[in-house]
PDB file of N, CA and C in Angstrom:
ATOM      1  N   UNK A   1     -11.608  -3.495  -0.915  1.00  0.00           N
ATOM      2  CA  UNK A   1     -10.300  -3.659  -0.424  1.00  0.00           C
ATOM      3  C   UNK A   1      -9.325  -3.655  -1.308  1.00  0.00           C
ATOM      4  N   UNK A   2      -8.048  -2.959  -1.606  1.00  0.00           N
ATOM      5  CA  UNK A   2      -6.946  -3.074  -2.344  1.00  0.00           C
ATOM      6  C   UNK A   2      -6.179  -3.864  -2.366  1.00  0.00           C
ATOM      7  N   UNK A   3      -5.796  -4.549  -3.546  1.00  0.00           N
ATOM      8  CA  UNK A   3      -5.013  -5.691  -3.367  1.00  0.00           C
ATOM      9  C   UNK A   3      -4.101  -5.655  -4.715  1.00  0.00           C
ATOM     10  N   UNK A   4      -2.723  -5.871  -3.891  1.00  0.00           N
ATOM     11  CA  UNK A   4      -1.436  -5.552  -4.396  1.00  0.00           C
ATOM     12  C   UNK A   4      -1.108  -6.853  -5.339  1.00  0.00           C
ATOM     13  N   UNK A   5      -0.456  -6.872  -6.457  1.00  0.00           N
ATOM     14  CA  UNK A   5      -0.186  -7.524  -7.029  1.00  0.00           C
ATOM     15  C   UNK A   5       0.978  -9.180  -6.518  1.00  0.00           C
ATOM     16  N   UNK A   6       1.067  -9.545  -7.005  1.00  0.00           N
ATOM     17  CA  UNK A   6       2.628 -10.616  -6.954  1.00  0.00           C
ATOM     18  C   UNK A   6       4.001 -10.104  -7.148  1.00  0.00           C
ATOM     19  N   UNK A   7       3.881  -8.707  -7.874  1.00  0.00           N
ATOM     20  CA  UNK A   7       5.392  -8.485  -8.099  1.00  0.00           C
ATOM     21  C   UNK A   7       4.991  -7.007  -8.308  1.00  0.00           C
ATOM     22  N   UNK A   8       5.550  -6.292  -7.712  1.00  0.00           N
ATOM     23  CA  UNK A   8       5.746  -4.729  -7.723  1.00  0.00           C
ATOM     24  C   UNK A   8       6.949  -4.301  -7.422  1.00  0.00           C
ATOM     25  N   UNK A   9       7.770  -3.951  -8.351  1.00  0.00           N
ATOM     26  CA  UNK A   9       8.900  -3.449  -8.373  1.00  0.00           C
ATOM     27  C   UNK A   9       8.669  -2.027  -9.256  1.00  0.00           C
ATOM     28  N   UNK A  10       9.812  -1.657  -9.435  1.00  0.00           N
ATOM     29  CA  UNK A  10       9.914  -0.213  -9.910  1.00  0.00           C
ATOM     30  C   UNK A  10       9.308  -0.148 -11.507  1.00  0.00           C
ATOM     31  N   UNK A  11       9.410  -1.521 -12.052  1.00  0.00           N
ATOM     32  CA  UNK A  11       8.693  -1.614 -13.582  1.00  0.00           C
ATOM     33  C   UNK A  11       7.190  -1.544 -13.232  1.00  0.00           C
ATOM     34  N   UNK A  12       6.665  -2.044 -12.385  1.00  0.00           N
ATOM     35  CA  UNK A  12       5.304  -2.167 -12.145  1.00  0.00           C
ATOM     36  C   UNK A  12       4.282  -0.808 -11.566  1.00  0.00           C
ATOM     37  N   UNK A  13       5.866  -0.205 -11.173  1.00  0.00           N
ATOM     38  CA  UNK A  13       5.223   0.477  -9.944  1.00  0.00           C
ATOM     39  C   UNK A  13       4.343   1.794 -10.096  1.00  0.00           C
ATOM     40  N   UNK A  14       4.388   2.554 -11.760  1.00  0.00           N
ATOM     41  CA  UNK A  14       3.256   3.617 -12.063  1.00  0.00           C
ATOM     42  C   UNK A  14       2.425   2.934 -12.337  1.00  0.00           C
ATOM     43  N   UNK A  15       2.075   2.137 -12.845  1.00  0.00           N
ATOM     44  CA  UNK A  15       0.620   1.195 -13.509  1.00  0.00           C
ATOM     45  C   UNK A  15      -0.222   0.797 -12.230  1.00  0.00           C
ATOM     46  N   UNK A  16       1.099   0.217 -11.055  1.00  0.00           N
ATOM     47  CA  UNK A  16       0.393  -0.507  -9.910  1.00  0.00           C
ATOM     48  C   UNK A  16      -0.470   1.067  -9.468  1.00  0.00           C
ATOM     49  N   UNK A  17       0.343   1.889  -8.983  1.00  0.00           N
ATOM     50  CA  UNK A  17      -0.286   3.377  -8.119  1.00  0.00           C
ATOM     51  C   UNK A  17      -1.409   3.854  -8.807  1.00  0.00           C
ATOM     52  N   UNK A  18      -1.517   4.056 -10.110  1.00  0.00           N
ATOM     53  CA  UNK A  18      -2.243   4.363 -10.784  1.00  0.00           C
ATOM     54  C   UNK A  18      -3.963   3.036 -10.466  1.00  0.00           C
ATOM     55  N   UNK A  19      -3.764   2.790 -10.913  1.00  0.00           N
ATOM     56  CA  UNK A  19      -4.826   1.207 -10.784  1.00  0.00           C
ATOM     57  C   UNK A  19      -5.236   1.315  -9.162  1.00  0.00           C
ATOM     58  N   UNK A  20      -3.979   1.397  -8.436  1.00  0.00           N
ATOM     59  CA  UNK A  20      -5.002   1.345  -6.655  1.00  0.00           C
ATOM     60  C   UNK A  20      -5.633   2.846  -6.382  1.00  0.00           C
ATOM     61  N   UNK A  21      -4.795   3.807  -6.856  1.00  0.00           N
ATOM     62  CA  UNK A  21      -5.531   4.979  -6.401  1.00  0.00           C
ATOM     63  C   UNK A  21      -6.742   4.963  -7.300  1.00  0.00           C
ATOM     64  N   UNK A  22      -7.334   4.854  -8.424  1.00  0.00           N
ATOM     65  CA  UNK A  22      -8.586   4.829  -8.995  1.00  0.00           C
ATOM     66  C   UNK A  22      -9.649   4.099  -7.945  1.00  0.00           C
ATOM     67  N   UNK A  23      -9.183   2.734  -7.960  1.00  0.00           N
ATOM     68  CA  UNK A  23      -9.860   2.216  -6.881  1.00  0.00           C
ATOM     69  C   UNK A  23     -10.064   2.217  -5.888  1.00  0.00           C
ATOM     70  N   UNK A  24      -9.031   2.775  -5.221  1.00  0.00           N
ATOM     71  CA  UNK A  24      -9.272   3.419  -3.533  1.00  0.00           C
ATOM     72  C   UNK A  24     -10.336   4.622  -3.919  1.00  0.00           C
ATOM     73  N   UNK A  25     -10.315   5.625  -4.891  1.00  0.00           N
ATOM     74  CA  UNK A  25     -11.746   6.454  -4.869  1.00  0.00           C
ATOM     75  C   UNK A  25     -13.041   5.582  -4.868  1.00  0.00           C
ATOM     76  N   UNK A  26     -13.184   4.535  -4.932  1.00  0.00           N
ATOM     77  CA  UNK A  26     -14.498   3.780  -5.020  1.00  0.00           C
ATOM     78  C   UNK A  26     -14.801   3.336  -4.011  1.00  0.00           C
ATOM     79  N   UNK A  27     -14.056   3.130  -3.318  1.00  0.00           N
ATOM     80  CA  UNK A  27     -13.754   2.121  -1.716  1.00  0.00           C
ATOM     81  C   UNK A  27     -15.109   2.845  -0.713  1.00  0.00           C
ATOM     82  N   UNK A  28     -15.841   2.049  -0.598  1.00  0.00           N
ATOM     83  CA  UNK A  28     -16.998   2.543   0.632  1.00  0.00           C
ATOM     84  C   UNK A  28     -16.239   2.526   2.055  1.00  0.00           C
ATOM     85  N   UNK A  29     -17.016   3.386   2.870  1.00  0.00           N
ATOM     86  CA  UNK A  29     -16.300   3.926   3.921  1.00  0.00           C
ATOM     87  C   UNK A  29     -15.053   4.650   4.278  1.00  0.00           C
ATOM     88  N   UNK A  30     -14.770   4.644   5.715  1.00  0.00           N
ATOM     89  CA  UNK A  30     -13.865   5.674   6.245  1.00  0.00           C
ATOM     90  C   UNK A  30     -12.653   5.167   6.196  1.00  0.00           C
ATOM     91  N   UNK A  31     -12.528   4.242   5.798  1.00  0.00           N
ATOM     92  CA  UNK A  31     -10.961   2.854   6.134  1.00  0.00           C
ATOM     93  C   UNK A  31     -11.047   2.129   4.761  1.00  0.00           C
ATOM     94  N   UNK A  32      -9.767   2.722   4.280  1.00  0.00           N
ATOM     95  CA  UNK A  32      -9.205   1.805   2.877  1.00  0.00           C
ATOM     96  C   UNK A  32      -8.013   0.896   3.435  1.00  0.00           C
ATOM     97  N   UNK A  33      -8.148  -0.142   2.917  1.00  0.00           N
ATOM     98  CA  UNK A  33      -7.300  -1.190   3.155  1.00  0.00           C
ATOM     99  C   UNK A  33      -6.592  -1.694   2.015  1.00  0.00           C
ATOM    100  N   UNK A  34      -5.584  -2.260   2.335  1.00  0.00           N
ATOM    101  CA  UNK A  34      -4.835  -2.762   1.075  1.00  0.00           C
ATOM    102  C   UNK A  34      -4.322  -4.173   1.316  1.00  0.00           C
ATOM    103  N   UNK A  35      -4.632  -4.923   0.793  1.00  0.00           N
ATOM    104  CA  UNK A  35      -4.162  -6.611   1.275  1.00  0.00           C
ATOM    105  C   UNK A  35      -2.721  -6.814   0.370  1.00  0.00           C
ATOM    106  N   UNK A  36      -1.472  -6.746   1.038  1.00  0.00           N
ATOM    107  CA  UNK A  36       0.019  -7.107   0.209  1.00  0.00           C
ATOM    108  C   UNK A  36       0.291  -8.639   0.402  1.00  0.00           C
ATOM    109  N   UNK A  37      -0.811  -9.406   0.390  1.00  0.00           N
ATOM    110  CA  UNK A  37      -0.625 -10.674   1.157  1.00  0.00           C
ATOM    111  C   UNK A  37       0.137 -11.246  -0.402  1.00  0.00           C
ATOM    112  N   UNK A  38      -0.291 -11.223  -1.398  1.00  0.00           N
ATOM    113  CA  UNK A  38       0.116 -11.326  -2.745  1.00  0.00           C
ATOM    114  C   UNK A  38       1.642 -11.258  -3.134  1.00  0.00           C
ATOM    115  N   UNK A  39       2.267 -10.376  -2.485  1.00  0.00           N
ATOM    116  CA  UNK A  39       3.468  -9.786  -2.450  1.00  0.00           C
ATOM    117  C   UNK A  39       4.572 -11.080  -2.339  1.00  0.00           C
ATOM    118  N   UNK A  40       5.188 -11.094  -3.874  1.00  0.00           N
ATOM    119  CA  UNK A  40       6.113 -12.060  -3.230  1.00  0.00           C
ATOM    120  C   UNK A  40       7.699 -11.932  -4.240  1.00  0.00           C
ATOM    121  N   UNK A  41       7.648 -11.059  -4.787  1.00  0.00           N
ATOM    122  CA  UNK A  41       8.541  -9.935  -5.551  1.00  0.00           C
ATOM    123  C   UNK A  41       8.482  -8.643  -5.620  1.00  0.00           C
ATOM    124  N   UNK A  42       9.150  -7.965  -4.825  1.00  0.00           N
ATOM    125  CA  UNK A  42       9.073  -6.559  -4.416  1.00  0.00           C
ATOM    126  C   UNK A  42      10.348  -5.974  -4.425  1.00  0.00           C
ATOM    127  N   UNK A  43      10.468  -4.838  -4.200  1.00  0.00           N
ATOM    128  CA  UNK A  43      11.364  -3.448  -4.107  1.00  0.00           C
ATOM    129  C   UNK A  43      10.751  -2.388  -3.045  1.00  0.00           C
ATOM    130  N   UNK A  44      11.721  -1.745  -2.857  1.00  0.00           N
ATOM    131  CA  UNK A  44      11.088  -0.156  -2.051  1.00  0.00           C
ATOM    132  C   UNK A  44       9.579   0.204  -2.975  1.00  0.00           C
ATOM    133  N   UNK A  45      10.108  -0.257  -4.155  1.00  0.00           N
ATOM    134  CA  UNK A  45       8.967   0.920  -5.340  1.00  0.00           C
ATOM    135  C   UNK A  45       7.557   0.570  -3.970  1.00  0.00           C
ATOM    136  N   UNK A  46       7.494  -0.811  -3.713  1.00  0.00           N
ATOM    137  CA  UNK A  46       6.486  -1.268  -3.307  1.00  0.00           C
ATOM    138  C   UNK A  46       5.534  -0.057  -2.309  1.00  0.00           C
ATOM    139  N   UNK A  47       6.799   0.221  -1.148  1.00  0.00           N
ATOM    140  CA  UNK A  47       6.653   1.244   0.029  1.00  0.00           C
ATOM    141  C   UNK A  47       6.187   2.533  -0.699  1.00  0.00           C
ATOM    142  N   UNK A  48       6.868   3.174  -2.227  1.00  0.00           N
ATOM    143  CA  UNK A  48       6.152   3.878  -2.643  1.00  0.00           C
ATOM    144  C   UNK A  48       4.747   4.175  -2.719  1.00  0.00           C
ATOM    145  N   UNK A  49       4.476   2.901  -3.644  1.00  0.00           N
ATOM    146  CA  UNK A  49       3.397   2.875  -3.823  1.00  0.00           C
ATOM    147  C   UNK A  49       1.998   2.923  -2.672  1.00  0.00           C
ATOM    148  N   UNK A  50       2.313   1.702  -2.013  1.00  0.00           N
ATOM    149  CA  UNK A  50       1.384   1.689  -0.553  1.00  0.00           C
ATOM    150  C   UNK A  50       1.626   3.543   0.285  1.00  0.00           C
ATOM    151  N   UNK A  51       2.541   4.233   0.176  1.00  0.00           N
ATOM    152  CA  UNK A  51       2.795   5.586   0.863  1.00  0.00           C
ATOM    153  C   UNK A  51       1.677   6.807  -0.184  1.00  0.00           C
ATOM    154  N   UNK A  52       1.596   6.492  -1.666  1.00  0.00           N
ATOM    155  CA  UNK A  52       0.670   7.059  -2.320  1.00  0.00           C
ATOM    156  C   UNK A  52      -0.684   6.570  -2.033  1.00  0.00           C
ATOM    157  N   UNK A  53      -0.973   5.763  -1.581  1.00  0.00           N
ATOM    158  CA  UNK A  53      -2.662   5.323  -1.519  1.00  0.00           C
ATOM    159  C   UNK A  53      -2.682   5.603  -0.151  1.00  0.00           C
ATOM    160  N   UNK A  54      -1.738   5.592   0.684  1.00  0.00           N
ATOM    161  CA  UNK A  54      -2.126   6.148   1.855  1.00  0.00           C
ATOM    162  C   UNK A  54      -2.491   7.842   1.888  1.00  0.00           C
ATOM    163  N   UNK A  55      -1.494   8.397   1.216  1.00  0.00           N
ATOM    164  CA  UNK A  55      -1.771  10.244   0.973  1.00  0.00           C
ATOM    165  C   UNK A  55      -2.912  10.164   0.226  1.00  0.00           C
ATOM    166  N   UNK A  56      -3.364   9.618  -0.792  1.00  0.00           N
ATOM    167  CA  UNK A  56      -4.816   9.500  -1.323  1.00  0.00           C
ATOM    168  C   UNK A  56      -5.911   9.329  -0.824  1.00  0.00           C
ATOM    169  N   UNK A  57      -5.717   8.437   0.171  1.00  0.00           N
ATOM    170  CA  UNK A  57      -6.662   8.240   1.220  1.00  0.00           C
ATOM    171  C   UNK A  57      -7.195   9.355   2.241  1.00  0.00           C
ATOM    172  N   UNK A  58      -5.747   9.380   2.626  1.00  0.00           N
ATOM    173  CA  UNK A  58      -6.081  10.833   3.556  1.00  0.00           C
ATOM    174  C   UNK A  58      -6.421  12.002   2.790  1.00  0.00           C
ATOM    175  N   UNK A  59      -6.218  12.203   1.879  1.00  0.00           N
ATOM    176  CA  UNK A  59      -6.604  13.370   1.031  1.00  0.00           C
ATOM    177  C   UNK A  59      -8.406  13.115   1.001  1.00  0.00           C
ATOM    178  N   UNK A  60      -9.222  12.107   1.029  1.00  0.00           N
ATOM    179  CA  UNK A  60     -10.030  11.930   0.582  1.00  0.00           C
ATOM    180  C   UNK A  60     -10.471  11.667   2.273  1.00  0.00           C
ATOM    181  N   UNK A  61     -10.319  11.957   3.157  1.00  0.00           N
ATOM    182  CA  UNK A  61     -10.721  12.105   4.823  1.00  0.00           C
ATOM    183  C   UNK A  61     -10.919  10.552   4.934  1.00  0.00           C
ATOM    184  N   UNK A  62     -10.265   9.597   4.597  1.00  0.00           N
ATOM    185  CA  UNK A  62      -9.958   8.303   5.387  1.00  0.00           C
ATOM    186  C   UNK A  62      -8.764   7.816   5.487  1.00  0.00           C
ATOM    187  N   UNK A  63      -8.778   6.787   6.482  1.00  0.00           N
ATOM    188  CA  UNK A  63      -7.715   6.356   7.528  1.00  0.00           C
ATOM    189  C   UNK A  63      -6.886   5.154   6.176  1.00  0.00           C
ATOM    190  N   UNK A  64      -5.923   5.000   6.501  1.00  0.00           N
ATOM    191  CA  UNK A  64      -5.525   4.080   5.387  1.00  0.00           C
ATOM    192  C   UNK A  64      -4.632   2.576   6.484  1.00  0.00           C
ATOM    193  N   UNK A  65      -4.770   1.580   6.185  1.00  0.00           N
ATOM    194  CA  UNK A  65      -4.115   0.324   6.727  1.00  0.00           C
ATOM    195  C   UNK A  65      -3.659  -0.804   5.775  1.00  0.00           C
ATOM    196  N   UNK A  66      -2.709  -1.547   6.318  1.00  0.00           N
ATOM    197  CA  UNK A  66      -2.331  -2.710   5.310  1.00  0.00           C
ATOM    198  C   UNK A  66      -2.621  -4.277   5.850  1.00  0.00           C
ATOM    199  N   UNK A  67      -3.007  -4.616   5.116  1.00  0.00           N
ATOM    200  CA  UNK A  67      -3.087  -6.299   5.610  1.00  0.00           C
ATOM    201  C   UNK A  67      -1.997  -6.755   5.171  1.00  0.00           C
ATOM    202  N   UNK A  68      -1.580  -7.925   5.740  1.00  0.00           N
ATOM    203  CA  UNK A  68      -0.527  -8.782   5.144  1.00  0.00           C
ATOM    204  C   UNK A  68       0.735  -8.305   4.498  1.00  0.00           C
ATOM    205  N   UNK A  69       1.242  -7.826   5.222  1.00  0.00           N
ATOM    206  CA  UNK A  69       2.745  -7.235   4.616  1.00  0.00           C
ATOM    207  C   UNK A  69       3.729  -7.637   5.439  1.00  0.00           C
ATOM    208  N   UNK A  70       4.098  -8.167   3.834  1.00  0.00           N
ATOM    209  CA  UNK A  70       5.448  -9.349   4.056  1.00  0.00           C
ATOM    210  C   UNK A  70       6.568  -8.657   5.270  1.00  0.00           C
ATOM    211  N   UNK A  71       7.141  -9.704   5.865  1.00  0.00           N
ATOM    212  CA  UNK A  71       8.060  -9.338   6.873  1.00  0.00           C
ATOM    213  C   UNK A  71       9.062  -8.648   6.069  1.00  0.00           C
ATOM    214  N   UNK A  72       9.216  -8.903   5.255  1.00  0.00           N
ATOM    215  CA  UNK A  72      10.517  -8.478   4.241  1.00  0.00           C
ATOM    216  C   UNK A  72      10.197  -6.446   3.671  1.00  0.00           C
ATOM    217  N   UNK A  73       8.853  -6.467   3.850  1.00  0.00           N
ATOM    218  CA  UNK A  73       8.632  -4.934   3.187  1.00  0.00           C
ATOM    219  C   UNK A  73       8.527  -4.070   4.620  1.00  0.00           C
ATOM    220  N   UNK A  74       7.892  -5.388   5.718  1.00  0.00           N
ATOM    221  CA  UNK A  74       8.170  -4.143   6.780  1.00  0.00           C
ATOM    222  C   UNK A  74       9.321  -3.526   7.341  1.00  0.00           C
ATOM    223  N   UNK A  75      10.565  -4.840   7.223  1.00  0.00           N
ATOM    224  CA  UNK A  75      11.823  -4.291   7.209  1.00  0.00           C
ATOM    225  C   UNK A  75      12.131  -3.252   6.683  1.00  0.00           C
ATOM    226  N   UNK A  76      11.659  -2.822   5.433  1.00  0.00           N
ATOM    227  CA  UNK A  76      11.996  -2.301   4.781  1.00  0.00           C
ATOM    228  C   UNK A  76      11.461  -0.988   5.098  1.00  0.00           C
ATOM    229  N   UNK A  77      10.142  -0.698   5.652  1.00  0.00           N
ATOM    230  CA  UNK A  77       9.676   0.592   6.494  1.00  0.00           C
ATOM    231  C   UNK A  77      10.293   0.490   7.351  1.00  0.00           C
ATOM    232  N   UNK A  78      10.858  -0.212   8.359  1.00  0.00           N
ATOM    233  CA  UNK A  78      11.470   0.399   9.656  1.00  0.00           C
ATOM    234  C   UNK A  78      12.790   0.923   9.128  1.00  0.00           C
ATOM    235  N   UNK A  79      13.227   0.055   7.990  1.00  0.00           N
ATOM    236  CA  UNK A  79      14.797   0.914   7.815  1.00  0.00           C
ATOM    237  C   UNK A  79      14.354   2.272   7.400  1.00  0.00           C
ATOM    238  N   UNK A  80      13.422   2.349   6.568  1.00  0.00           N
ATOM    239  CA  UNK A  80      13.209   3.874   5.929  1.00  0.00           C
ATOM    240  C   UNK A  80      12.523   5.170   7.448  1.00  0.00           C
ATOM    241  N   UNK A  81      12.536   4.577   7.986  1.00  0.00           N
ATOM    242  CA  UNK A  81      11.479   5.164   8.956  1.00  0.00           C
ATOM    243  C   UNK A  81      10.155   5.874   9.014  1.00  0.00           C
ATOM    244  N   UNK A  82       9.114   4.765   7.725  1.00  0.00           N
ATOM    245  CA  UNK A  82       7.722   4.950   7.368  1.00  0.00           C
ATOM    246  C   UNK A  82       7.028   4.033   7.990  1.00  0.00           C
ATOM    247  N   UNK A  83       7.284   3.292   8.850  1.00  0.00           N
ATOM    248  CA  UNK A  83       6.773   1.715   9.236  1.00  0.00           C
ATOM    249  C   UNK A  83       5.311   2.577   9.850  1.00  0.00           C
ATOM    250  N   UNK A  84       5.154   3.752  10.579  1.00  0.00           N
ATOM    251  CA  UNK A  84       3.981   4.019  11.489  1.00  0.00           C
ATOM    252  C   UNK A  84       3.205   4.425  10.588  1.00  0.00           C
ATOM    253  N   UNK A  85       3.650   4.902   9.099  1.00  0.00           N
ATOM    254  CA  UNK A  85       2.611   5.618   8.463  1.00  0.00           C
ATOM    255  C   UNK A  85       1.916   4.211   7.535  1.00  0.00           C
ATOM    256  N   UNK A  86       2.016   2.825   7.965  1.00  0.00           N
ATOM    257  CA  UNK A  86       1.510   1.889   6.915  1.00  0.00           C
ATOM    258  C   UNK A  86       0.948   0.881   8.174  1.00  0.00           C
ATOM    259  N   UNK A  87      -0.011   1.003   9.259  1.00  0.00           N
ATOM    260  CA  UNK A  87      -0.238   0.431   9.894  1.00  0.00           C
ATOM    261  C   UNK A  87      -1.110  -0.820   9.500  1.00  0.00           C
ATOM    262  N   UNK A  88      -0.921  -1.781  10.538  1.00  0.00           N
ATOM    263  CA  UNK A  88      -2.099  -3.199  10.249  1.00  0.00           C
ATOM    264  C   UNK A  88      -3.224  -2.860  10.505  1.00  0.00           C
ATOM    265  N   UNK A  89      -4.018  -3.466   9.139  1.00  0.00           N
ATOM    266  CA  UNK A  89      -4.861  -3.742   9.575  1.00  0.00           C
ATOM    267  C   UNK A  89      -5.573  -4.326  10.446  1.00  0.00           C
ATOM    268  N   UNK A  90      -6.903  -4.300  11.085  1.00  0.00           N
ATOM    269  CA  UNK A  90      -7.310  -4.786  12.420  1.00  0.00           C
ATOM    270  C   UNK A  90      -7.962  -6.380  11.758  1.00  0.00           C
TER     271      UNK A  90
END
């Protein structure tokens, strides 16, 4: 499982994305889950990071889901029209 940090804004997005996509490549199984439960301070860059993780997972032939997505971030995803790309983990 990939774990997002407590803070994910434009300033941290590049490094976080690199770290998560590297971890994603070593994830076993057909589904990659990103746990967003720790996110407390974020901006729309968090969506960009999650979407890049999704893209990388799909390139590896895996599905992607998000656990514990904060309500405010889910609302941003709906506003930007990308909510369906970030399904909730079962």
